Amino acid sequence: DPAMYILAFRKIVTDCRRKLSEEARGRVLFVWHSWAAPMAESLTLDSFYPGDEFVDWIGVSIFQQVFPWSPYWGGKMEDVERVLDFAHEHDKPTIIAESTPFGGIELKEASNDTKAFLANNEYDHDDWDRWFGKVLDVIDRYDVSMWCYINCDWESQPMWHNIGFGETRLSSNPNVMSQWHERIIKNKNERRFLASGSLETCGTPGTMHLGEANSDASGKGAFGLPSFFSFILVPFVVASGAFFVPYFILGGHKTKRGQSS
């Protein structure tokens, strides 16, 4: 029920703003987050949008939409682009709030339909370009301000076993880990990534070191939090079936849009 979802979203935002201290309000932003999957013909993004005054950021999920074999229910690239275009129309900064290559980095948990597609079509099998390269292209084309990647062995967790997510830990694939170091951690272009150095010693014992781009001169994020703790998401409402999830966001750093990254 889109109307009830909007009502619930507005109530939570209003109550939080009313009850939080002035200091806390300065550190809390509200994100309206879409899974970027198909909706019923009678529904649009506007059907679920609570209004600009209740939304600080707009988020999107990217799992398998970048793949040409993505099933209808999993969404397509046009679904992702529709959300990001919607955000730009409303002049809201954007976040890829959850993302991971569905099927695993090496597609070891790929569905039979995916395997059939790969067997019958010429397609780039590079483990980096297949998913990560396409996500970075989306980030650059839409100037996405924040990206959250889920670095996880999904199959080892009972809740997600046999769901199809697979192994998405960067360290599980030497090529991907190397590309991550070059394109994210070292990051020789203009874009900077929050906590981009947090995987610098992945797989080896020792203390985590954050990159220079992770903090300002005071060592804190743009919201005055220590950089190690400057990215926190807390989901608090889900519209079942529509997959719109609002979040709290704390912290961040400057990007080309002057927002967090």
Protein backbone atom coordinates (compact mmCIF):
# COMPACT_ATOMS: atom_id res chain seq x y z
CA ASP A 1 0.00 0.00 0.00
CA PRO A 2 1.98 3.04 -1.22
CA ALA A 3 -0.16 5.49 0.76
CA MET A 4 0.47 3.69 4.05
CA TYR A 5 4.18 3.43 3.25
CA ILE A 6 4.41 7.19 2.66
CA LEU A 7 2.49 7.83 5.88
CA ALA A 8 4.85 5.58 7.87
CA PHE A 9 7.97 7.14 6.31
CA ARG A 10 6.79 10.67 7.05
CA LYS A 11 5.84 9.79 10.62
CA ILE A 12 9.27 8.28 11.39
CA VAL A 13 11.14 11.21 9.88
CA THR A 14 8.92 13.75 11.64
CA ASP A 15 9.19 12.00 15.01
CA CYS A 16 12.97 11.63 14.73
CA ARG A 17 13.43 15.27 13.85
CA ARG A 18 11.15 16.31 16.70
CA LYS A 19 12.66 14.09 19.38
CA LEU A 20 16.36 14.08 18.49
CA SER A 21 18.64 16.69 20.02
CA GLU A 22 19.87 19.51 17.82
CA GLU A 23 23.32 17.91 17.70
CA ALA A 24 21.88 14.53 16.70
CA ARG A 25 19.67 16.08 14.02
CA GLY A 26 22.79 17.58 12.47
CA ARG A 27 24.23 14.09 12.08
CA VAL A 28 21.18 12.27 10.75
CA LEU A 29 20.09 12.15 7.12
CA PHE A 30 17.16 10.18 5.76
CA VAL A 31 17.52 7.99 2.68
CA TRP A 32 14.71 6.77 0.48
CA HIS A 33 16.05 3.57 -1.05
CA SER A 34 14.72 1.53 -3.98
CA TRP A 35 15.82 -1.98 -4.95
CA ALA A 36 15.41 -0.87 -8.60
CA ALA A 37 13.21 -3.78 -9.59
CA PRO A 38 10.08 -3.76 -11.78
CA MET A 39 6.80 -2.50 -10.33
CA ALA A 40 3.18 -3.12 -11.24
CA GLU A 41 2.08 -1.16 -14.30
CA SER A 42 -0.13 1.11 -12.21
CA LEU A 43 2.75 2.13 -9.92
CA THR A 44 5.67 4.52 -10.38
CA LEU A 45 8.47 5.78 -8.15
CA ASP A 46 6.27 8.78 -7.38
CA SER A 47 3.69 6.38 -5.96
CA PHE A 48 6.05 5.65 -3.04
CA TYR A 49 7.89 8.95 -2.73
CA PRO A 50 7.21 10.70 0.61
CA GLY A 51 8.26 14.13 -0.64
CA ASP A 52 11.43 16.19 -0.87
CA GLU A 53 11.03 17.63 2.62
CA PHE A 54 11.21 14.12 4.11
CA VAL A 55 14.10 12.78 2.00
CA ASP A 56 17.74 13.87 2.17
CA TRP A 57 19.28 11.20 -0.07
CA ILE A 58 17.98 8.68 -2.59
CA GLY A 59 19.45 5.18 -2.60
CA VAL A 60 19.48 2.27 -5.02
CA SER A 61 20.54 -1.38 -4.90
CA ILE A 62 22.71 -2.98 -7.57
CA PHE A 63 22.93 -6.77 -7.61
CA GLN A 64 22.33 -8.37 -11.01
CA GLN A 65 20.75 -5.51 -12.93
CA VAL A 66 24.04 -4.82 -14.75
CA PHE A 67 24.05 -8.34 -16.25
CA PRO A 68 22.33 -8.91 -19.61
CA TRP A 69 20.94 -12.18 -18.24
CA SER A 70 19.28 -10.58 -15.22
CA PRO A 71 15.76 -12.01 -14.88
CA TYR A 72 12.77 -9.70 -14.97
CA TRP A 73 12.21 -9.95 -11.20
CA GLY A 74 15.87 -9.04 -10.55
CA GLY A 75 15.61 -5.76 -12.41
CA LYS A 76 17.44 -4.34 -15.41
CA MET A 77 19.83 -1.44 -15.89
CA GLU A 78 16.93 0.76 -16.94
CA ASP A 79 15.41 0.18 -13.48
CA VAL A 80 18.62 1.43 -11.83
CA GLU A 81 18.81 4.39 -14.19
CA ARG A 82 15.17 5.24 -13.54
CA VAL A 83 15.89 5.63 -9.81
CA LEU A 84 19.03 7.70 -10.38
CA ASP A 85 17.27 9.92 -12.92
CA PHE A 86 14.45 10.36 -10.39
CA ALA A 87 17.01 11.46 -7.80
CA HIS A 88 18.50 14.03 -10.16
CA GLU A 89 15.04 15.34 -11.00
CA HIS A 90 14.54 15.94 -7.27
CA ASP A 91 18.07 17.32 -6.83
CA LYS A 92 18.98 14.68 -4.25
CA PRO A 93 22.45 13.18 -3.75
CA THR A 94 22.57 9.46 -4.45
CA ILE A 95 23.90 6.36 -2.73
CA ILE A 96 24.32 2.79 -3.93
CA ALA A 97 23.14 1.59 -0.53
CA GLU A 98 23.69 -2.12 -1.05
CA SER A 99 25.51 -3.90 -3.83
CA THR A 100 27.24 -7.17 -4.62
CA PRO A 101 27.61 -9.29 -7.79
CA PHE A 102 24.72 -11.74 -7.57
CA GLY A 103 25.96 -15.24 -8.34
CA GLY A 104 29.37 -14.46 -6.87
CA ILE A 105 32.42 -12.72 -8.30
CA GLU A 106 33.26 -15.84 -10.34
CA LEU A 107 29.57 -16.77 -10.90
CA LYS A 108 30.01 -20.08 -9.10
CA GLU A 109 26.46 -19.79 -7.77
CA ALA A 110 25.01 -18.68 -11.10
CA SER A 111 21.56 -20.00 -11.95
CA ASN A 112 20.99 -22.50 -14.75
CA ASP A 113 19.50 -19.72 -16.86
CA THR A 114 22.68 -17.67 -16.40
CA LYS A 115 24.87 -20.63 -17.35
CA ALA A 116 22.75 -21.19 -20.44
CA PHE A 117 23.13 -17.54 -21.43
CA LEU A 118 26.90 -17.66 -21.02
CA ALA A 119 27.12 -20.88 -23.01
CA ASN A 120 25.15 -19.47 -25.93
CA ASN A 121 26.34 -15.87 -26.09
CA GLU A 122 29.64 -14.10 -26.52
CA TYR A 123 30.22 -12.13 -23.37
CA ASP A 124 33.10 -10.52 -21.49
CA HIS A 125 34.14 -13.02 -18.83
CA ASP A 126 36.58 -10.71 -17.02
CA ASP A 127 35.72 -10.97 -13.33
CA TRP A 128 36.27 -7.24 -12.77
CA ASP A 129 34.70 -5.69 -15.84
CA ARG A 130 31.65 -7.97 -15.73
CA TRP A 131 30.23 -6.31 -12.60
CA PHE A 132 32.61 -3.87 -10.88
CA GLY A 133 33.49 -2.00 -14.06
CA LYS A 134 29.82 -1.48 -14.84
CA VAL A 135 29.04 -0.25 -11.34
CA LEU A 136 31.92 2.25 -11.49
CA ASP A 137 30.56 3.43 -14.83
CA VAL A 138 27.19 4.08 -13.18
CA ILE A 139 28.94 5.96 -10.35
CA ASP A 140 30.77 8.19 -12.83
CA ARG A 141 27.82 8.77 -15.18
CA TYR A 142 25.46 9.74 -12.37
CA ASP A 143 28.04 11.23 -9.99
CA VAL A 144 26.88 8.85 -7.26
CA SER A 145 28.03 10.25 -3.93
CA MET A 146 28.25 7.10 -1.82
CA TRP A 147 28.79 3.41 -2.61
CA CYS A 148 28.33 0.54 -0.17
CA TYR A 149 29.75 -2.81 -1.34
CA ILE A 150 28.85 -6.01 0.55
CA ASN A 151 32.11 -7.95 0.91
CA CYS A 152 30.78 -11.33 2.00
CA ASP A 153 30.87 -15.12 1.65
CA TRP A 154 27.10 -15.46 1.45
CA GLU A 155 27.14 -19.25 1.18
CA SER A 156 28.74 -19.60 4.63
CA GLN A 157 25.72 -17.95 6.27
CA PRO A 158 22.67 -20.20 6.85
CA MET A 159 20.27 -17.35 6.14
CA TRP A 160 21.70 -16.81 2.65
CA HIS A 161 22.88 -20.33 1.77
CA ASN A 162 21.60 -21.47 -1.64
CA ILE A 163 19.91 -18.13 -2.31
CA GLY A 164 22.33 -17.44 -5.15
CA PHE A 165 24.54 -14.59 -3.94
CA GLY A 166 27.69 -16.72 -3.77
CA GLU A 167 31.21 -15.63 -2.82
CA THR A 168 31.67 -11.87 -3.15
CA ARG A 169 34.71 -11.24 -0.95
CA LEU A 170 37.22 -9.20 -2.92
CA SER A 171 40.08 -11.28 -1.57
CA SER A 172 38.58 -14.43 -3.10
CA ASN A 173 39.70 -13.37 -6.57
CA PRO A 174 43.29 -12.14 -7.24
CA ASN A 175 42.31 -10.15 -10.34
CA VAL A 176 39.48 -8.35 -8.55
CA MET A 177 41.64 -7.67 -5.49
CA SER A 178 44.38 -6.24 -7.71
CA GLN A 179 41.90 -4.07 -9.63
CA TRP A 180 40.39 -2.87 -6.34
CA HIS A 181 43.81 -1.73 -5.16
CA GLU A 182 44.47 0.12 -8.42
CA ARG A 183 41.07 1.65 -9.07
CA ILE A 184 39.63 2.17 -5.60
CA ILE A 185 42.40 2.25 -2.99
CA LYS A 186 45.07 4.01 -5.06
CA ASN A 187 42.37 5.70 -7.15
CA LYS A 188 44.42 7.89 -9.47
CA ASN A 189 41.42 9.73 -10.90
CA GLU A 190 39.47 12.57 -9.29
CA ARG A 191 36.98 10.42 -7.40
CA ARG A 192 37.73 9.53 -3.78
CA PHE A 193 36.21 6.70 -1.78
CA LEU A 194 35.31 6.67 1.92
CA ALA A 195 37.46 4.15 3.85
CA SER A 196 38.97 3.13 0.51
CA GLY A 197 42.06 1.85 2.27
CA SER A 198 40.16 -0.41 4.63
CA LEU A 199 41.04 -3.46 2.52
CA GLU A 200 44.65 -2.47 2.05
CA THR A 201 45.84 -5.33 4.24
CA CYS A 202 42.98 -7.70 3.42
CA GLY A 203 43.96 -11.28 4.21
CA THR A 204 46.92 -10.31 6.38
CA PRO A 205 47.10 -9.69 10.14
CA GLY A 206 47.56 -6.18 11.40
CA THR A 207 45.82 -2.88 12.02
CA MET A 208 43.46 -1.43 9.44
CA HIS A 209 44.80 1.79 7.90
CA LEU A 210 42.48 4.33 6.37
CA GLY A 211 43.55 6.21 3.28
CA GLU A 212 44.42 9.90 3.28
CA ALA A 213 41.14 10.69 1.55
CA ASN A 214 39.15 9.29 4.43
CA SER A 215 39.32 12.28 6.72
CA ASP A 216 39.79 15.99 6.80
CA ALA A 217 42.58 17.80 8.64
CA SER A 218 40.92 17.05 11.97
CA GLY A 219 40.81 13.33 11.23
CA LYS A 220 37.03 13.38 11.22
CA GLY A 221 34.40 12.98 8.55
CA ALA A 222 32.21 15.71 7.13
CA PHE A 223 29.76 15.27 10.01
CA GLY A 224 32.42 15.48 12.71
CA LEU A 225 32.63 11.72 13.33
CA PRO A 226 35.90 9.76 13.42
CA SER A 227 36.42 8.49 9.88
CA PHE A 228 36.41 4.84 10.95
CA PHE A 229 32.84 5.25 12.18
CA SER A 230 31.67 7.73 9.60
CA PHE A 231 29.43 5.45 7.55
CA ILE A 232 26.50 3.88 9.39
CA LEU A 233 23.25 2.66 7.83
CA VAL A 234 20.28 1.65 9.96
CA PRO A 235 17.22 0.45 8.00
CA PHE A 236 13.97 1.08 9.84
CA VAL A 237 11.06 0.65 7.42
CA VAL A 238 10.54 -1.69 4.46
CA ALA A 239 7.66 -1.52 2.02
CA SER A 240 7.10 -5.22 1.42
CA GLY A 241 7.01 -6.09 -2.26
CA ALA A 242 8.22 -2.68 -3.37
CA PHE A 243 11.64 -2.84 -1.70
CA PHE A 244 11.91 0.80 -0.74
CA VAL A 245 14.08 1.06 2.37
CA PRO A 246 14.74 4.34 4.21
CA TYR A 247 18.01 4.55 6.15
CA PHE A 248 19.78 6.66 8.67
CA ILE A 249 23.16 7.82 7.33
CA LEU A 250 25.86 9.21 9.56
CA GLY A 251 29.04 10.81 8.31
CA GLY A 252 30.75 11.13 4.97
CA HIS A 253 33.20 13.16 2.95
CA LYS A 254 33.20 15.70 0.14
CA THR A 255 32.86 14.76 -3.54
CA LYS A 256 32.31 16.67 -6.75
CA ARG A 257 28.71 17.29 -5.67
CA GLY A 258 29.88 18.54 -2.30
CA GLN A 259 28.25 15.54 -0.61
CA SER A 260 29.49 12.34 1.02
CA SER A 261 31.30 9.54 -0.78
